[in-house]
Amino acid sequence: MGTIIIIAVLVVLVLFAFRGSFAHFKGEGGCCGGGGSEPKQKKKKLAGEVIATKIISIEGMHCENCKNTVEKYINQIDGASAQVNLKKNIAVVQLDRPVEDTDLRTAVARAGFTVAGIEQMEA
């Protein structure tokens, strides 16, 4: 009888563990912030007209906290406004002045992620 109770408890624990893992990998659970999340970033308004748009492919983002962290760091660059798409693992960055790719790579690295590539969109 004791063995059945122990097995039942273990099954319940495993189910809860898988439930949390599934939410995490779908980007719905808190992961990188320890259960909480980075405050949602307001869309940054640029001071001038958009002169260029760059698409940054980013590795390692899983959840809303990841998205908000990347947006926060890119938006700290003068002349850059980022919107992250978690499903595509990209950041669409609008620029109102020239910004070097190295500055964008540095911002993403400071956020704790890896840039897989940067592509400039045609105007």
N, C-alpha and C. Protein backbone atom coordinates (compact mmCIF):
# COMPACT_ATOMS: atom_id res chain seq x y z
N MET A 1 0.82 -1.20 0.00
CA MET A 1 0.00 0.00 0.00
C MET A 1 0.87 1.26 0.00
N GLY A 2 1.94 1.24 0.80
CA GLY A 2 2.83 2.39 0.87
C GLY A 2 3.50 2.68 -0.47
N THR A 3 3.83 1.64 -1.20
CA THR A 3 4.46 1.79 -2.51
C THR A 3 3.52 2.50 -3.49
N ILE A 4 2.25 2.16 -3.45
CA ILE A 4 1.27 2.79 -4.35
C ILE A 4 1.15 4.28 -4.06
N ILE A 5 1.16 4.65 -2.79
CA ILE A 5 1.06 6.06 -2.41
C ILE A 5 2.29 6.82 -2.89
N ILE A 6 3.46 6.24 -2.70
CA ILE A 6 4.70 6.89 -3.15
C ILE A 6 4.70 7.06 -4.66
N ILE A 7 4.29 6.05 -5.39
CA ILE A 7 4.23 6.14 -6.85
C ILE A 7 3.23 7.21 -7.28
N ALA A 8 2.08 7.28 -6.62
CA ALA A 8 1.07 8.29 -6.96
C ALA A 8 1.62 9.70 -6.73
N VAL A 9 2.32 9.91 -5.63
CA VAL A 9 2.91 11.22 -5.34
C VAL A 9 3.96 11.57 -6.40
N LEU A 10 4.79 10.62 -6.77
CA LEU A 10 5.80 10.87 -7.80
C LEU A 10 5.17 11.21 -9.15
N VAL A 11 4.11 10.54 -9.52
CA VAL A 11 3.42 10.82 -10.78
C VAL A 11 2.88 12.25 -10.77
N VAL A 12 2.28 12.66 -9.66
CA VAL A 12 1.75 14.03 -9.55
C VAL A 12 2.88 15.05 -9.68
N LEU A 13 4.01 14.81 -9.02
CA LEU A 13 5.15 15.73 -9.11
C LEU A 13 5.67 15.83 -10.54
N VAL A 14 5.78 14.71 -11.22
CA VAL A 14 6.25 14.71 -12.61
C VAL A 14 5.29 15.48 -13.51
N LEU A 15 3.99 15.32 -13.31
CA LEU A 15 3.01 16.05 -14.11
C LEU A 15 3.15 17.56 -13.93
N PHE A 16 3.34 18.02 -12.69
CA PHE A 16 3.52 19.44 -12.44
C PHE A 16 4.81 19.95 -13.09
N ALA A 17 5.87 19.15 -13.05
CA ALA A 17 7.13 19.55 -13.67
C ALA A 17 6.98 19.70 -15.17
N PHE A 18 6.30 18.76 -15.83
CA PHE A 18 6.10 18.84 -17.27
C PHE A 18 5.21 20.02 -17.65
N ARG A 19 4.20 20.29 -16.84
CA ARG A 19 3.29 21.41 -17.12
C ARG A 19 4.07 22.73 -17.16
N GLY A 20 4.96 22.93 -16.19
CA GLY A 20 5.77 24.14 -16.16
C GLY A 20 6.74 24.21 -17.33
N SER A 21 7.29 23.07 -17.71
CA SER A 21 8.22 23.04 -18.84
C SER A 21 7.53 23.37 -20.15
N PHE A 22 6.33 22.84 -20.36
CA PHE A 22 5.59 23.12 -21.59
C PHE A 22 5.27 24.61 -21.68
N ALA A 23 4.84 25.23 -20.59
CA ALA A 23 4.53 26.66 -20.59
C ALA A 23 5.79 27.46 -20.89
N HIS A 24 6.91 27.06 -20.32
CA HIS A 24 8.18 27.75 -20.54
C HIS A 24 8.58 27.72 -22.01
N PHE A 25 8.53 26.56 -22.63
CA PHE A 25 8.97 26.43 -24.02
C PHE A 25 8.01 27.06 -25.01
N LYS A 26 6.76 27.27 -24.62
CA LYS A 26 5.81 27.99 -25.47
C LYS A 26 5.93 29.49 -25.28
N GLY A 27 6.81 29.94 -24.35
CA GLY A 27 7.00 31.36 -24.11
C GLY A 27 5.95 31.97 -23.21
N GLU A 28 5.22 31.14 -22.47
CA GLU A 28 4.14 31.64 -21.63
C GLU A 28 4.53 31.75 -20.17
N GLY A 29 5.49 30.99 -19.73
CA GLY A 29 5.87 31.02 -18.33
C GLY A 29 7.06 31.93 -18.11
N GLY A 30 7.23 32.37 -16.87
CA GLY A 30 8.41 33.15 -16.56
C GLY A 30 9.61 32.23 -16.54
N CYS A 31 10.69 32.64 -17.16
CA CYS A 31 11.86 31.76 -17.12
C CYS A 31 13.07 32.53 -16.66
N CYS A 32 13.45 33.51 -17.39
CA CYS A 32 14.71 34.19 -17.17
C CYS A 32 14.65 35.16 -15.99
N GLY A 33 13.48 35.54 -15.58
CA GLY A 33 13.34 36.49 -14.49
C GLY A 33 12.99 35.82 -13.18
N GLY A 34 13.11 34.53 -13.10
CA GLY A 34 12.82 33.83 -11.86
C GLY A 34 11.35 33.81 -11.51
N GLY A 35 10.48 33.74 -12.50
CA GLY A 35 9.05 33.66 -12.25
C GLY A 35 8.35 34.98 -12.50
N GLY A 36 9.05 36.08 -12.31
CA GLY A 36 8.47 37.38 -12.60
C GLY A 36 8.77 37.73 -14.03
N SER A 37 8.55 38.97 -14.37
CA SER A 37 8.93 39.37 -15.72
C SER A 37 9.35 40.81 -15.73
N GLU A 38 10.16 41.14 -16.70
CA GLU A 38 10.60 42.50 -16.95
C GLU A 38 9.35 43.30 -17.30
N PRO A 39 9.22 44.53 -16.78
CA PRO A 39 8.03 45.32 -17.14
C PRO A 39 7.92 45.48 -18.65
N LYS A 40 6.69 45.44 -19.15
CA LYS A 40 6.47 45.57 -20.59
C LYS A 40 6.99 46.93 -21.06
N GLN A 41 7.72 46.89 -22.16
CA GLN A 41 8.30 48.11 -22.71
C GLN A 41 7.29 48.84 -23.58
N LYS A 42 7.19 50.16 -23.38
CA LYS A 42 6.36 50.95 -24.28
C LYS A 42 7.13 51.12 -25.57
N LYS A 43 6.41 51.20 -26.68
CA LYS A 43 7.07 51.40 -27.97
C LYS A 43 7.78 52.75 -27.94
N LYS A 44 9.07 52.72 -28.22
CA LYS A 44 9.88 53.94 -28.20
C LYS A 44 9.56 54.77 -29.43
N LYS A 45 9.31 56.04 -29.23
CA LYS A 45 9.06 56.95 -30.35
C LYS A 45 10.39 57.58 -30.76
N LEU A 46 10.65 57.52 -32.04
CA LEU A 46 11.88 58.12 -32.56
C LEU A 46 11.69 59.61 -32.76
N ALA A 47 12.79 60.36 -32.61
CA ALA A 47 12.73 61.82 -32.74
C ALA A 47 12.56 62.26 -34.19
N GLY A 48 13.11 61.49 -35.13
CA GLY A 48 13.04 61.87 -36.54
C GLY A 48 12.34 60.82 -37.38
N GLU A 49 12.42 61.03 -38.70
CA GLU A 49 11.84 60.06 -39.64
C GLU A 49 12.67 58.78 -39.67
N VAL A 50 12.01 57.66 -39.91
CA VAL A 50 12.71 56.38 -40.02
C VAL A 50 13.50 56.37 -41.32
N ILE A 51 14.82 56.18 -41.21
CA ILE A 51 15.67 56.15 -42.40
C ILE A 51 16.09 54.73 -42.77
N ALA A 52 15.96 53.80 -41.81
CA ALA A 52 16.36 52.41 -42.08
C ALA A 52 15.65 51.48 -41.10
N THR A 53 15.51 50.23 -41.52
CA THR A 53 14.97 49.18 -40.66
C THR A 53 15.91 47.99 -40.75
N LYS A 54 16.30 47.46 -39.59
CA LYS A 54 17.16 46.29 -39.54
C LYS A 54 16.44 45.16 -38.82
N ILE A 55 16.64 43.95 -39.32
CA ILE A 55 16.07 42.75 -38.71
C ILE A 55 17.22 42.00 -38.05
N ILE A 56 17.12 41.81 -36.73
CA ILE A 56 18.15 41.10 -35.99
C ILE A 56 17.62 39.71 -35.62
N SER A 57 18.31 38.67 -36.06
CA SER A 57 17.97 37.30 -35.64
C SER A 57 18.68 37.04 -34.32
N ILE A 58 17.90 36.61 -33.31
CA ILE A 58 18.44 36.47 -31.96
C ILE A 58 18.21 35.05 -31.46
N GLU A 59 19.26 34.46 -30.88
CA GLU A 59 19.17 33.11 -30.32
C GLU A 59 19.00 33.19 -28.81
N GLY A 60 18.15 32.30 -28.27
CA GLY A 60 18.05 32.15 -26.83
C GLY A 60 16.84 32.78 -26.17
N MET A 61 15.98 33.47 -26.91
CA MET A 61 14.79 34.07 -26.31
C MET A 61 13.71 33.01 -26.17
N HIS A 62 13.03 33.01 -24.99
CA HIS A 62 12.00 32.00 -24.73
C HIS A 62 10.67 32.58 -24.28
N CYS A 63 10.68 33.75 -23.65
CA CYS A 63 9.47 34.22 -22.98
C CYS A 63 9.32 35.74 -23.09
N GLU A 64 8.24 36.25 -22.53
CA GLU A 64 7.98 37.69 -22.53
C GLU A 64 9.09 38.46 -21.83
N ASN A 65 9.66 37.87 -20.77
CA ASN A 65 10.75 38.54 -20.07
C ASN A 65 11.95 38.71 -21.00
N CYS A 66 12.26 37.68 -21.78
CA CYS A 66 13.35 37.76 -22.76
C CYS A 66 13.07 38.89 -23.75
N LYS A 67 11.86 38.91 -24.28
CA LYS A 67 11.43 39.91 -25.27
C LYS A 67 11.60 41.32 -24.70
N ASN A 68 11.08 41.53 -23.49
CA ASN A 68 11.14 42.86 -22.88
C ASN A 68 12.56 43.29 -22.58
N THR A 69 13.41 42.34 -22.18
CA THR A 69 14.80 42.66 -21.88
C THR A 69 15.54 43.09 -23.15
N VAL A 70 15.36 42.36 -24.24
CA VAL A 70 16.02 42.72 -25.50
C VAL A 70 15.54 44.09 -25.97
N GLU A 71 14.23 44.33 -25.93
CA GLU A 71 13.70 45.64 -26.35
C GLU A 71 14.29 46.75 -25.49
N LYS A 72 14.40 46.53 -24.19
CA LYS A 72 14.93 47.55 -23.29
C LYS A 72 16.36 47.93 -23.67
N TYR A 73 17.20 46.94 -23.91
CA TYR A 73 18.60 47.22 -24.22
C TYR A 73 18.78 47.86 -25.59
N ILE A 74 18.04 47.41 -26.59
CA ILE A 74 18.16 48.03 -27.91
C ILE A 74 17.61 49.45 -27.88
N ASN A 75 16.51 49.66 -27.16
CA ASN A 75 15.91 50.99 -27.09
C ASN A 75 16.77 52.00 -26.35
N GLN A 76 17.79 51.56 -25.65
CA GLN A 76 18.72 52.48 -24.99
C GLN A 76 19.68 53.13 -25.99
N ILE A 77 19.73 52.60 -27.20
CA ILE A 77 20.58 53.18 -28.25
C ILE A 77 19.86 54.39 -28.83
N ASP A 78 20.56 55.53 -28.89
CA ASP A 78 19.97 56.73 -29.50
C ASP A 78 19.64 56.46 -30.96
N GLY A 79 18.41 56.75 -31.34
CA GLY A 79 18.00 56.59 -32.73
C GLY A 79 17.48 55.22 -33.10
N ALA A 80 17.31 54.32 -32.11
CA ALA A 80 16.83 52.96 -32.39
C ALA A 80 15.57 52.67 -31.60
N SER A 81 14.61 52.01 -32.26
CA SER A 81 13.37 51.57 -31.62
C SER A 81 13.11 50.12 -32.02
N ALA A 82 13.03 49.22 -31.02
CA ALA A 82 12.92 47.78 -31.30
C ALA A 82 11.55 47.23 -30.94
N GLN A 83 11.11 46.29 -31.76
CA GLN A 83 9.93 45.47 -31.50
C GLN A 83 10.36 44.02 -31.71
N VAL A 84 10.25 43.18 -30.68
CA VAL A 84 10.70 41.79 -30.76
C VAL A 84 9.52 40.88 -31.08
N ASN A 85 9.76 39.93 -32.01
CA ASN A 85 8.79 38.89 -32.34
C ASN A 85 9.36 37.58 -31.80
N LEU A 86 8.78 37.10 -30.69
CA LEU A 86 9.28 35.88 -30.05
C LEU A 86 9.15 34.65 -30.92
N LYS A 87 8.05 34.52 -31.64
CA LYS A 87 7.82 33.32 -32.46
C LYS A 87 8.86 33.19 -33.57
N LYS A 88 9.29 34.33 -34.12
CA LYS A 88 10.29 34.31 -35.20
C LYS A 88 11.71 34.50 -34.68
N ASN A 89 11.86 34.80 -33.38
CA ASN A 89 13.17 35.06 -32.77
C ASN A 89 13.91 36.19 -33.48
N ILE A 90 13.18 37.28 -33.72
CA ILE A 90 13.79 38.45 -34.36
C ILE A 90 13.41 39.72 -33.62
N ALA A 91 14.23 40.74 -33.83
CA ALA A 91 13.90 42.09 -33.40
C ALA A 91 13.87 42.96 -34.65
N VAL A 92 12.78 43.68 -34.84
CA VAL A 92 12.67 44.63 -35.95
C VAL A 92 13.05 45.99 -35.36
N VAL A 93 14.14 46.55 -35.86
CA VAL A 93 14.67 47.80 -35.31
C VAL A 93 14.54 48.91 -36.34
N GLN A 94 13.78 49.93 -35.98
CA GLN A 94 13.66 51.11 -36.83
C GLN A 94 14.68 52.14 -36.37
N LEU A 95 15.29 52.82 -37.34
CA LEU A 95 16.35 53.78 -37.04
C LEU A 95 16.03 55.14 -37.64
N ASP A 96 16.29 56.20 -36.86
CA ASP A 96 16.12 57.54 -37.41
C ASP A 96 17.47 58.22 -37.66
N ARG A 97 18.54 57.46 -37.47
CA ARG A 97 19.90 57.91 -37.77
C ARG A 97 20.76 56.67 -37.96
N PRO A 98 21.93 56.80 -38.54
CA PRO A 98 22.78 55.62 -38.74
C PRO A 98 23.20 55.01 -37.40
N VAL A 99 23.04 53.70 -37.28
CA VAL A 99 23.47 52.95 -36.10
C VAL A 99 24.26 51.74 -36.60
N GLU A 100 25.46 51.58 -36.06
CA GLU A 100 26.33 50.48 -36.47
C GLU A 100 25.79 49.14 -35.98
N ASP A 101 26.01 48.09 -36.78
CA ASP A 101 25.61 46.74 -36.38
C ASP A 101 26.30 46.32 -35.08
N THR A 102 27.54 46.78 -34.88
CA THR A 102 28.25 46.43 -33.64
C THR A 102 27.53 46.98 -32.41
N ASP A 103 26.91 48.15 -32.53
CA ASP A 103 26.15 48.71 -31.40
C ASP A 103 24.93 47.84 -31.09
N LEU A 104 24.27 47.36 -32.15
CA LEU A 104 23.11 46.49 -31.96
C LEU A 104 23.53 45.15 -31.36
N ARG A 105 24.63 44.59 -31.85
CA ARG A 105 25.14 43.32 -31.31
C ARG A 105 25.51 43.46 -29.83
N THR A 106 26.13 44.58 -29.49
CA THR A 106 26.51 44.82 -28.10
C THR A 106 25.29 44.91 -27.19
N ALA A 107 24.25 45.60 -27.65
CA ALA A 107 23.02 45.74 -26.85
C ALA A 107 22.38 44.38 -26.61
N VAL A 108 22.31 43.55 -27.64
CA VAL A 108 21.72 42.21 -27.50
C VAL A 108 22.58 41.36 -26.57
N ALA A 109 23.89 41.46 -26.68
CA ALA A 109 24.78 40.70 -25.80
C ALA A 109 24.63 41.15 -24.35
N ARG A 110 24.49 42.45 -24.12
CA ARG A 110 24.27 42.96 -22.76
C ARG A 110 22.96 42.44 -22.18
N ALA A 111 21.99 42.18 -23.05
CA ALA A 111 20.71 41.62 -22.60
C ALA A 111 20.83 40.12 -22.30
N GLY A 112 21.96 39.51 -22.70
CA GLY A 112 22.20 38.10 -22.40
C GLY A 112 21.88 37.14 -23.52
N PHE A 113 21.84 37.65 -24.75
CA PHE A 113 21.46 36.81 -25.89
C PHE A 113 22.51 36.92 -26.99
N THR A 114 22.36 36.07 -28.01
CA THR A 114 23.33 36.00 -29.11
C THR A 114 22.67 36.41 -30.42
N VAL A 115 23.36 37.27 -31.16
CA VAL A 115 22.89 37.68 -32.48
C VAL A 115 23.33 36.65 -33.50
N ALA A 116 22.36 36.10 -34.24
CA ALA A 116 22.67 35.13 -35.29
C ALA A 116 22.91 35.84 -36.62
N GLY A 117 22.36 37.04 -36.78
CA GLY A 117 22.54 37.79 -38.01
C GLY A 117 21.77 39.09 -37.98
N ILE A 118 22.22 40.03 -38.82
CA ILE A 118 21.53 41.32 -38.96
C ILE A 118 21.35 41.58 -40.44
N GLU A 119 20.12 41.91 -40.80
CA GLU A 119 19.78 42.17 -42.20
C GLU A 119 19.16 43.56 -42.31
N GLN A 120 19.62 44.34 -43.26
CA GLN A 120 19.04 45.67 -43.49
C GLN A 120 17.92 45.54 -44.51
N MET A 121 16.76 46.07 -44.18
CA MET A 121 15.62 46.05 -45.09
C MET A 121 15.74 47.23 -46.06
N GLU A 122 15.25 47.01 -47.26
CA GLU A 122 15.26 48.08 -48.26
C GLU A 122 14.23 49.14 -47.88
N ALA A 123 14.56 50.38 -48.13
CA ALA A 123 13.66 51.49 -47.78
C ALA A 123 12.52 51.61 -48.77
